[in-house]
Amino acid sequence: MTIENMFLPQLQHEAVLTEKFFSRIPQDKIDWRPHPKSMSFKELANHMAEIPSWITATMELDEMDMEAYRAPDFDTVPEITKAFKINLTQAENALKKPDKEYEKTWRMLKNGNKIMEMQRLEVLRVMVLNQLPHHRAQMGVYFRLLDIPVPSTYGPSADER
């Protein structure tokens, strides 16, 4: 099995689950946050929508300097979902590479200084693909605090039994 064939189904599965979470974000609470140090629904969803673009950057670039990074700032759930789908399509295409491409080194920089360096394969596994379940769980807490049913993910949630 190729690395591409391991990652693509996982990414597609995570995308379906993530879209379920997006669909439950109440537009009238898009700026709500559970704590002043927490992201708002809007910030969290925008962050989740950009995660597939990290796959593209990892596979298409040798390094990325975060000095110029600016987080996306879409205002509505439909805009966020659309951005997620566009990023997802680009990520799926970026993953269609021979295994040797996954072995190449990738670097994250800040103002030219190295923050981290590892194989693309490890960047995808450790830094990128784990982000979606992590932030969906975070969003699930937001839902729970607002009494919004939490979608099922890898099994039924308490709200969908």
N, C-alpha and C. Protein backbone atom coordinates (compact mmCIF):
# COMPACT_ATOMS: atom_id res chain seq x y z
N MET A 1 0.85 -1.17 0.00
CA MET A 1 0.00 0.00 0.00
C MET A 1 0.90 1.24 0.00
N THR A 2 0.54 2.21 -0.80
CA THR A 2 1.30 3.45 -0.85
C THR A 2 0.89 4.37 0.30
N ILE A 3 1.75 5.32 0.60
CA ILE A 3 1.44 6.29 1.66
C ILE A 3 0.21 7.11 1.27
N GLU A 4 0.15 7.50 0.02
CA GLU A 4 -1.02 8.23 -0.49
C GLU A 4 -2.31 7.47 -0.18
N ASN A 5 -2.28 6.17 -0.42
CA ASN A 5 -3.49 5.36 -0.20
C ASN A 5 -3.81 5.14 1.27
N MET A 6 -2.88 5.44 2.14
CA MET A 6 -3.17 5.41 3.58
C MET A 6 -3.78 6.74 4.02
N PHE A 7 -3.23 7.85 3.52
CA PHE A 7 -3.68 9.17 3.96
C PHE A 7 -5.00 9.62 3.35
N LEU A 8 -5.22 9.36 2.08
CA LEU A 8 -6.43 9.86 1.42
C LEU A 8 -7.72 9.41 2.10
N PRO A 9 -7.91 8.12 2.36
CA PRO A 9 -9.16 7.72 3.01
C PRO A 9 -9.31 8.31 4.42
N GLN A 10 -8.20 8.43 5.13
CA GLN A 10 -8.26 9.03 6.47
C GLN A 10 -8.70 10.49 6.37
N LEU A 11 -8.10 11.24 5.47
CA LEU A 11 -8.46 12.64 5.30
C LEU A 11 -9.93 12.77 4.90
N GLN A 12 -10.37 11.96 3.98
CA GLN A 12 -11.76 12.03 3.53
C GLN A 12 -12.73 11.68 4.65
N HIS A 13 -12.39 10.72 5.47
CA HIS A 13 -13.23 10.37 6.62
C HIS A 13 -13.28 11.52 7.62
N GLU A 14 -12.14 12.10 7.92
CA GLU A 14 -12.09 13.22 8.85
C GLU A 14 -12.87 14.42 8.31
N ALA A 15 -12.84 14.61 7.00
CA ALA A 15 -13.56 15.73 6.38
C ALA A 15 -15.07 15.59 6.57
N VAL A 16 -15.59 14.40 6.38
CA VAL A 16 -17.04 14.18 6.57
C VAL A 16 -17.42 14.50 8.01
N LEU A 17 -16.63 14.04 8.96
CA LEU A 17 -16.92 14.30 10.37
C LEU A 17 -16.84 15.80 10.67
N THR A 18 -15.85 16.46 10.12
CA THR A 18 -15.66 17.89 10.37
C THR A 18 -16.84 18.69 9.82
N GLU A 19 -17.30 18.35 8.64
CA GLU A 19 -18.45 19.05 8.06
C GLU A 19 -19.70 18.87 8.92
N LYS A 20 -19.86 17.71 9.54
CA LYS A 20 -20.99 17.52 10.46
C LYS A 20 -20.92 18.52 11.60
N PHE A 21 -19.74 18.75 12.11
CA PHE A 21 -19.56 19.71 13.20
C PHE A 21 -19.84 21.13 12.71
N PHE A 22 -19.32 21.48 11.55
CA PHE A 22 -19.59 22.81 11.00
C PHE A 22 -21.10 23.06 10.88
N SER A 23 -21.81 22.04 10.46
CA SER A 23 -23.25 22.21 10.22
C SER A 23 -24.04 22.52 11.49
N ARG A 24 -23.46 22.27 12.64
CA ARG A 24 -24.15 22.52 13.91
C ARG A 24 -23.78 23.86 14.55
N ILE A 25 -22.86 24.58 13.97
CA ILE A 25 -22.47 25.88 14.53
C ILE A 25 -23.63 26.86 14.32
N PRO A 26 -24.16 27.42 15.38
CA PRO A 26 -25.25 28.40 15.21
C PRO A 26 -24.68 29.75 14.76
N GLN A 27 -25.16 30.24 13.63
CA GLN A 27 -24.65 31.50 13.09
C GLN A 27 -24.81 32.64 14.09
N ASP A 28 -25.88 32.60 14.88
CA ASP A 28 -26.10 33.68 15.85
C ASP A 28 -25.14 33.60 17.05
N LYS A 29 -24.36 32.52 17.12
CA LYS A 29 -23.38 32.36 18.19
C LYS A 29 -21.96 32.25 17.62
N ILE A 30 -21.76 32.67 16.38
CA ILE A 30 -20.47 32.49 15.71
C ILE A 30 -19.32 33.17 16.47
N ASP A 31 -19.62 34.22 17.21
CA ASP A 31 -18.58 34.92 17.97
C ASP A 31 -18.49 34.46 19.42
N TRP A 32 -19.29 33.46 19.80
CA TRP A 32 -19.31 32.98 21.17
C TRP A 32 -18.02 32.22 21.49
N ARG A 33 -17.54 32.41 22.69
CA ARG A 33 -16.37 31.66 23.19
C ARG A 33 -16.64 31.29 24.64
N PRO A 34 -16.21 30.10 25.07
CA PRO A 34 -16.50 29.66 26.44
C PRO A 34 -15.67 30.37 27.51
N HIS A 35 -14.60 31.00 27.10
CA HIS A 35 -13.68 31.63 28.06
C HIS A 35 -12.90 32.70 27.29
N PRO A 36 -12.50 33.77 27.94
CA PRO A 36 -11.74 34.81 27.22
C PRO A 36 -10.47 34.31 26.53
N LYS A 37 -9.86 33.26 27.04
CA LYS A 37 -8.65 32.72 26.43
C LYS A 37 -8.95 31.72 25.31
N SER A 38 -10.21 31.35 25.15
CA SER A 38 -10.61 30.38 24.12
C SER A 38 -10.88 31.07 22.80
N MET A 39 -10.74 30.31 21.73
CA MET A 39 -11.15 30.82 20.42
C MET A 39 -12.67 30.89 20.37
N SER A 40 -13.19 31.78 19.56
CA SER A 40 -14.63 31.81 19.31
C SER A 40 -14.96 30.67 18.34
N PHE A 41 -16.26 30.37 18.19
CA PHE A 41 -16.67 29.40 17.17
C PHE A 41 -16.06 29.78 15.82
N LYS A 42 -16.15 31.06 15.48
CA LYS A 42 -15.66 31.55 14.20
C LYS A 42 -14.17 31.29 14.05
N GLU A 43 -13.39 31.64 15.05
CA GLU A 43 -11.95 31.43 14.98
C GLU A 43 -11.61 29.95 14.91
N LEU A 44 -12.29 29.15 15.71
CA LEU A 44 -12.02 27.71 15.73
C LEU A 44 -12.39 27.06 14.39
N ALA A 45 -13.56 27.40 13.86
CA ALA A 45 -13.98 26.82 12.58
C ALA A 45 -13.08 27.28 11.44
N ASN A 46 -12.69 28.55 11.43
CA ASN A 46 -11.76 29.02 10.41
C ASN A 46 -10.44 28.25 10.49
N HIS A 47 -9.97 28.03 11.71
CA HIS A 47 -8.74 27.27 11.89
C HIS A 47 -8.89 25.85 11.35
N MET A 48 -10.00 25.21 11.68
CA MET A 48 -10.24 23.85 11.19
C MET A 48 -10.34 23.82 9.66
N ALA A 49 -10.95 24.85 9.09
CA ALA A 49 -11.11 24.90 7.63
C ALA A 49 -9.78 25.04 6.91
N GLU A 50 -8.81 25.65 7.58
CA GLU A 50 -7.51 25.84 6.92
C GLU A 50 -6.60 24.62 7.05
N ILE A 51 -6.90 23.71 7.95
CA ILE A 51 -5.99 22.58 8.20
C ILE A 51 -5.66 21.79 6.93
N PRO A 52 -6.62 21.49 6.05
CA PRO A 52 -6.21 20.79 4.83
C PRO A 52 -5.18 21.57 3.99
N SER A 53 -5.19 22.89 4.09
CA SER A 53 -4.19 23.66 3.33
C SER A 53 -2.78 23.40 3.87
N TRP A 54 -2.68 22.99 5.12
CA TRP A 54 -1.37 22.62 5.68
C TRP A 54 -0.82 21.38 4.98
N ILE A 55 -1.72 20.48 4.59
CA ILE A 55 -1.30 19.29 3.85
C ILE A 55 -0.68 19.73 2.53
N THR A 56 -1.38 20.62 1.84
CA THR A 56 -0.89 21.12 0.55
C THR A 56 0.47 21.79 0.74
N ALA A 57 0.59 22.64 1.74
CA ALA A 57 1.86 23.33 1.98
C ALA A 57 2.98 22.33 2.32
N THR A 58 2.65 21.33 3.10
CA THR A 58 3.65 20.33 3.47
C THR A 58 4.14 19.56 2.25
N MET A 59 3.22 19.23 1.36
CA MET A 59 3.59 18.41 0.20
C MET A 59 4.13 19.22 -0.97
N GLU A 60 3.81 20.50 -1.04
CA GLU A 60 4.20 21.31 -2.19
C GLU A 60 5.41 22.21 -1.92
N LEU A 61 5.69 22.49 -0.66
CA LEU A 61 6.79 23.38 -0.31
C LEU A 61 7.83 22.61 0.51
N ASP A 62 9.07 23.06 0.47
CA ASP A 62 10.10 22.46 1.30
C ASP A 62 10.15 23.11 2.68
N GLU A 63 9.68 24.36 2.75
CA GLU A 63 9.64 25.06 4.02
C GLU A 63 8.58 26.15 3.96
N MET A 64 8.20 26.60 5.13
CA MET A 64 7.19 27.64 5.23
C MET A 64 7.59 28.59 6.35
N ASP A 65 7.66 29.87 6.01
CA ASP A 65 8.00 30.88 7.02
C ASP A 65 6.71 31.46 7.56
N MET A 66 6.49 31.29 8.85
CA MET A 66 5.24 31.70 9.50
C MET A 66 5.16 33.19 9.78
N GLU A 67 6.22 33.93 9.47
CA GLU A 67 6.22 35.37 9.73
C GLU A 67 5.08 36.07 8.99
N ALA A 68 4.80 35.63 7.78
CA ALA A 68 3.75 36.27 6.97
C ALA A 68 2.38 35.61 7.17
N TYR A 69 2.30 34.61 8.02
CA TYR A 69 1.03 33.88 8.20
C TYR A 69 -0.08 34.79 8.73
N ARG A 70 -1.25 34.66 8.16
CA ARG A 70 -2.45 35.33 8.63
C ARG A 70 -3.58 34.30 8.62
N ALA A 71 -4.25 34.17 9.72
CA ALA A 71 -5.36 33.21 9.84
C ALA A 71 -6.52 33.64 8.96
N PRO A 72 -7.24 32.67 8.39
CA PRO A 72 -8.43 33.04 7.62
C PRO A 72 -9.49 33.65 8.55
N ASP A 73 -10.36 34.45 7.97
CA ASP A 73 -11.34 35.16 8.79
C ASP A 73 -12.69 35.24 8.07
N PHE A 74 -13.25 34.08 7.76
CA PHE A 74 -14.58 34.03 7.15
C PHE A 74 -15.62 34.26 8.24
N ASP A 75 -16.72 34.91 7.88
CA ASP A 75 -17.72 35.33 8.87
C ASP A 75 -18.90 34.39 9.03
N THR A 76 -19.14 33.54 8.05
CA THR A 76 -20.33 32.70 8.12
C THR A 76 -19.97 31.22 7.99
N VAL A 77 -20.84 30.38 8.50
CA VAL A 77 -20.61 28.94 8.41
C VAL A 77 -20.54 28.49 6.95
N PRO A 78 -21.42 28.96 6.06
CA PRO A 78 -21.28 28.55 4.66
C PRO A 78 -19.94 28.96 4.04
N GLU A 79 -19.43 30.15 4.36
CA GLU A 79 -18.14 30.58 3.84
C GLU A 79 -17.01 29.69 4.38
N ILE A 80 -17.09 29.36 5.65
CA ILE A 80 -16.07 28.51 6.29
C ILE A 80 -16.10 27.12 5.66
N THR A 81 -17.31 26.58 5.48
CA THR A 81 -17.45 25.25 4.88
C THR A 81 -16.93 25.23 3.45
N LYS A 82 -17.23 26.28 2.69
CA LYS A 82 -16.74 26.37 1.31
C LYS A 82 -15.21 26.39 1.29
N ALA A 83 -14.60 27.20 2.16
CA ALA A 83 -13.13 27.26 2.23
C ALA A 83 -12.56 25.89 2.59
N PHE A 84 -13.20 25.20 3.54
CA PHE A 84 -12.76 23.86 3.93
C PHE A 84 -12.78 22.92 2.73
N LYS A 85 -13.85 22.95 1.96
CA LYS A 85 -13.97 22.04 0.80
C LYS A 85 -12.92 22.36 -0.26
N ILE A 86 -12.67 23.63 -0.49
CA ILE A 86 -11.64 24.01 -1.47
C ILE A 86 -10.27 23.52 -0.98
N ASN A 87 -9.97 23.77 0.29
CA ASN A 87 -8.69 23.31 0.86
C ASN A 87 -8.58 21.80 0.83
N LEU A 88 -9.69 21.12 1.07
CA LEU A 88 -9.70 19.66 1.05
C LEU A 88 -9.36 19.11 -0.34
N THR A 89 -9.97 19.67 -1.36
CA THR A 89 -9.70 19.23 -2.73
C THR A 89 -8.24 19.43 -3.08
N GLN A 90 -7.69 20.58 -2.71
CA GLN A 90 -6.28 20.84 -2.98
C GLN A 90 -5.39 19.87 -2.20
N ALA A 91 -5.76 19.58 -0.96
CA ALA A 91 -4.98 18.64 -0.14
C ALA A 91 -5.02 17.24 -0.74
N GLU A 92 -6.19 16.80 -1.18
CA GLU A 92 -6.29 15.47 -1.80
C GLU A 92 -5.36 15.38 -3.00
N ASN A 93 -5.34 16.42 -3.81
CA ASN A 93 -4.44 16.43 -4.97
C ASN A 93 -2.98 16.45 -4.56
N ALA A 94 -2.66 17.20 -3.52
CA ALA A 94 -1.27 17.29 -3.05
C ALA A 94 -0.76 15.97 -2.50
N LEU A 95 -1.64 15.15 -1.98
CA LEU A 95 -1.23 13.85 -1.43
C LEU A 95 -0.91 12.83 -2.51
N LYS A 96 -1.29 13.09 -3.72
CA LYS A 96 -1.09 12.14 -4.82
C LYS A 96 0.34 12.23 -5.32
N LYS A 97 1.22 11.69 -4.50
CA LYS A 97 2.66 11.74 -4.78
C LYS A 97 3.26 10.36 -4.49
N PRO A 98 4.39 10.07 -5.13
CA PRO A 98 5.08 8.81 -4.81
C PRO A 98 5.62 8.84 -3.38
N ASP A 99 5.78 7.67 -2.80
CA ASP A 99 6.23 7.56 -1.41
C ASP A 99 7.51 8.34 -1.13
N LYS A 100 8.42 8.38 -2.09
CA LYS A 100 9.71 9.08 -1.85
C LYS A 100 9.51 10.56 -1.54
N GLU A 101 8.41 11.16 -2.02
CA GLU A 101 8.13 12.57 -1.72
C GLU A 101 7.79 12.77 -0.24
N TYR A 102 7.21 11.76 0.37
CA TYR A 102 6.85 11.84 1.78
C TYR A 102 8.07 11.74 2.70
N GLU A 103 9.16 11.24 2.16
CA GLU A 103 10.39 11.09 2.95
C GLU A 103 11.21 12.38 3.00
N LYS A 104 10.89 13.34 2.16
CA LYS A 104 11.66 14.58 2.11
C LYS A 104 11.46 15.39 3.39
N THR A 105 12.47 16.16 3.70
CA THR A 105 12.43 17.01 4.90
C THR A 105 11.62 18.27 4.64
N TRP A 106 10.85 18.67 5.64
CA TRP A 106 10.05 19.89 5.60
C TRP A 106 10.40 20.72 6.82
N ARG A 107 10.46 22.02 6.63
CA ARG A 107 10.83 22.92 7.73
C ARG A 107 9.79 24.01 7.93
N MET A 108 9.57 24.34 9.18
CA MET A 108 8.76 25.50 9.54
C MET A 108 9.72 26.54 10.11
N LEU A 109 9.60 27.75 9.59
CA LEU A 109 10.46 28.85 10.01
C LEU A 109 9.62 29.98 10.59
N LYS A 110 10.25 30.83 11.35
CA LYS A 110 9.64 32.07 11.81
C LYS A 110 10.70 33.14 11.65
N ASN A 111 10.44 34.06 10.72
CA ASN A 111 11.39 35.12 10.43
C ASN A 111 12.76 34.56 10.05
N GLY A 112 12.74 33.45 9.29
CA GLY A 112 13.97 32.83 8.83
C GLY A 112 14.61 31.86 9.81
N ASN A 113 14.14 31.81 11.04
CA ASN A 113 14.69 30.90 12.05
C ASN A 113 13.90 29.60 12.09
N LYS A 114 14.61 28.49 12.13
CA LYS A 114 13.96 27.17 12.12
C LYS A 114 13.21 26.93 13.42
N ILE A 115 11.93 26.62 13.31
CA ILE A 115 11.09 26.23 14.45
C ILE A 115 11.08 24.72 14.57
N MET A 116 10.94 24.05 13.43
CA MET A 116 10.94 22.59 13.42
C MET A 116 11.35 22.10 12.05
N GLU A 117 11.79 20.83 12.05
CA GLU A 117 12.21 20.18 10.82
C GLU A 117 11.96 18.69 10.99
N MET A 118 11.24 18.11 10.05
CA MET A 118 11.00 16.66 10.06
C MET A 118 10.55 16.20 8.69
N GLN A 119 10.48 14.89 8.51
CA GLN A 119 10.01 14.34 7.24
C GLN A 119 8.56 14.75 7.02
N ARG A 120 8.21 14.95 5.75
CA ARG A 120 6.83 15.29 5.42
C ARG A 120 5.85 14.28 6.02
N LEU A 121 6.19 13.02 5.94
CA LEU A 121 5.33 11.98 6.49
C LEU A 121 5.01 12.26 7.95
N GLU A 122 6.01 12.62 8.72
CA GLU A 122 5.82 12.89 10.15
C GLU A 122 5.06 14.19 10.38
N VAL A 123 5.32 15.18 9.55
CA VAL A 123 4.56 16.44 9.67
C VAL A 123 3.08 16.14 9.49
N LEU A 124 2.75 15.37 8.47
CA LEU A 124 1.34 15.04 8.21
C LEU A 124 0.72 14.26 9.36
N ARG A 125 1.45 13.25 9.84
CA ARG A 125 0.91 12.41 10.91
C ARG A 125 0.80 13.14 12.24
N VAL A 126 1.87 13.82 12.63
CA VAL A 126 1.97 14.38 13.97
C VAL A 126 1.36 15.77 14.06
N MET A 127 1.63 16.60 13.08
CA MET A 127 1.26 18.01 13.19
C MET A 127 -0.06 18.36 12.49
N VAL A 128 -0.43 17.63 11.46
CA VAL A 128 -1.55 18.06 10.63
C VAL A 128 -2.81 17.22 10.85
N LEU A 129 -2.75 15.95 10.53
CA LEU A 129 -3.98 15.14 10.56
C LEU A 129 -4.57 15.00 11.96
N ASN A 130 -3.75 15.07 12.98
CA ASN A 130 -4.28 14.99 14.35
C ASN A 130 -5.01 16.26 14.76
N GLN A 131 -4.83 17.34 14.02
CA GLN A 131 -5.46 18.60 14.38
C GLN A 131 -6.99 18.56 14.24
N LEU A 132 -7.51 17.92 13.21
CA LEU A 132 -8.96 17.91 13.02
C LEU A 132 -9.70 17.22 14.17
N PRO A 133 -9.32 16.01 14.58
CA PRO A 133 -10.03 15.41 15.73
C PRO A 133 -9.85 16.22 17.01
N HIS A 134 -8.67 16.78 17.20
CA HIS A 134 -8.41 17.59 18.38
C HIS A 134 -9.37 18.77 18.45
N HIS A 135 -9.49 19.50 17.35
CA HIS A 135 -10.34 20.69 17.36
C HIS A 135 -11.83 20.36 17.27
N ARG A 136 -12.17 19.22 16.69
CA ARG A 136 -13.59 18.79 16.74
C ARG A 136 -13.99 18.51 18.18
N ALA A 137 -13.09 17.89 18.93
CA ALA A 137 -13.39 17.63 20.35
C ALA A 137 -13.56 18.94 21.09
N GLN A 138 -12.72 19.90 20.80
CA GLN A 138 -12.84 21.22 21.40
C GLN A 138 -14.20 21.83 21.06
N MET A 139 -14.60 21.73 19.80
CA MET A 139 -15.88 22.27 19.38
C MET A 139 -17.03 21.51 20.04
N GLY A 140 -16.84 20.22 20.25
CA GLY A 140 -17.86 19.42 20.94
C GLY A 140 -18.12 19.96 22.35
N VAL A 141 -17.09 20.42 23.02
CA VAL A 141 -17.26 21.03 24.34
C VAL A 141 -18.08 22.32 24.21
N TYR A 142 -17.80 23.10 23.19
CA TYR A 142 -18.58 24.32 22.96
C TYR A 142 -20.06 23.96 22.79
N PHE A 143 -20.31 22.93 21.96
CA PHE A 143 -21.69 22.50 21.75
C PHE A 143 -22.34 22.09 23.07
N ARG A 144 -21.63 21.31 23.83
CA ARG A 144 -22.18 20.81 25.10
C ARG A 144 -22.53 21.98 26.02
N LEU A 145 -21.66 22.97 26.10
CA LEU A 145 -21.91 24.12 26.97
C LEU A 145 -23.12 24.93 26.53
N LEU A 146 -23.44 24.88 25.23
CA LEU A 146 -24.60 25.61 24.71
C LEU A 146 -25.81 24.71 24.51
N ASP A 147 -25.72 23.47 24.97
CA ASP A 147 -26.80 22.49 24.84
C ASP A 147 -27.17 22.23 23.38
N ILE A 148 -26.15 22.20 22.53
CA ILE A 148 -26.30 21.82 21.12
C ILE A 148 -25.88 20.36 21.01
N PRO A 149 -26.69 19.51 20.40
CA PRO A 149 -26.30 18.09 20.30
C PRO A 149 -24.93 17.91 19.64
N VAL A 150 -24.10 17.12 20.27
CA VAL A 150 -22.76 16.83 19.76
C VAL A 150 -22.87 15.72 18.72
N PRO A 151 -22.34 15.95 17.51
CA PRO A 151 -22.42 14.91 16.48
C PRO A 151 -21.59 13.68 16.85
N SER A 152 -21.98 12.56 16.34
CA SER A 152 -21.17 11.35 16.51
C SER A 152 -19.91 11.50 15.66
N THR A 153 -18.85 10.84 16.11
CA THR A 153 -17.63 10.86 15.32
C THR A 153 -17.19 9.42 15.07
N TYR A 154 -16.43 8.84 15.99
CA TYR A 154 -15.94 7.48 15.79
C TYR A 154 -16.88 6.46 16.42
N GLY A 155 -17.98 6.91 16.87
CA GLY A 155 -19.05 6.13 17.48
C GLY A 155 -20.10 7.13 17.91
N PRO A 156 -21.22 6.65 18.41
CA PRO A 156 -22.29 7.59 18.77
C PRO A 156 -21.89 8.50 19.93
N SER A 157 -22.38 9.72 19.88
CA SER A 157 -22.19 10.62 20.99
C SER A 157 -23.33 10.38 21.98
N ALA A 158 -23.26 10.97 23.15
CA ALA A 158 -24.34 10.84 24.13
C ALA A 158 -25.64 11.39 23.58
N ASP A 159 -25.55 12.29 22.60
CA ASP A 159 -26.75 12.89 22.01
C ASP A 159 -27.33 12.07 20.87
N GLU A 160 -26.59 11.12 20.36
CA GLU A 160 -27.05 10.36 19.18
C GLU A 160 -27.10 8.86 19.43
N ARG A 161 -27.32 8.49 20.67
CA ARG A 161 -27.45 7.06 20.97
C ARG A 161 -28.83 6.58 20.64
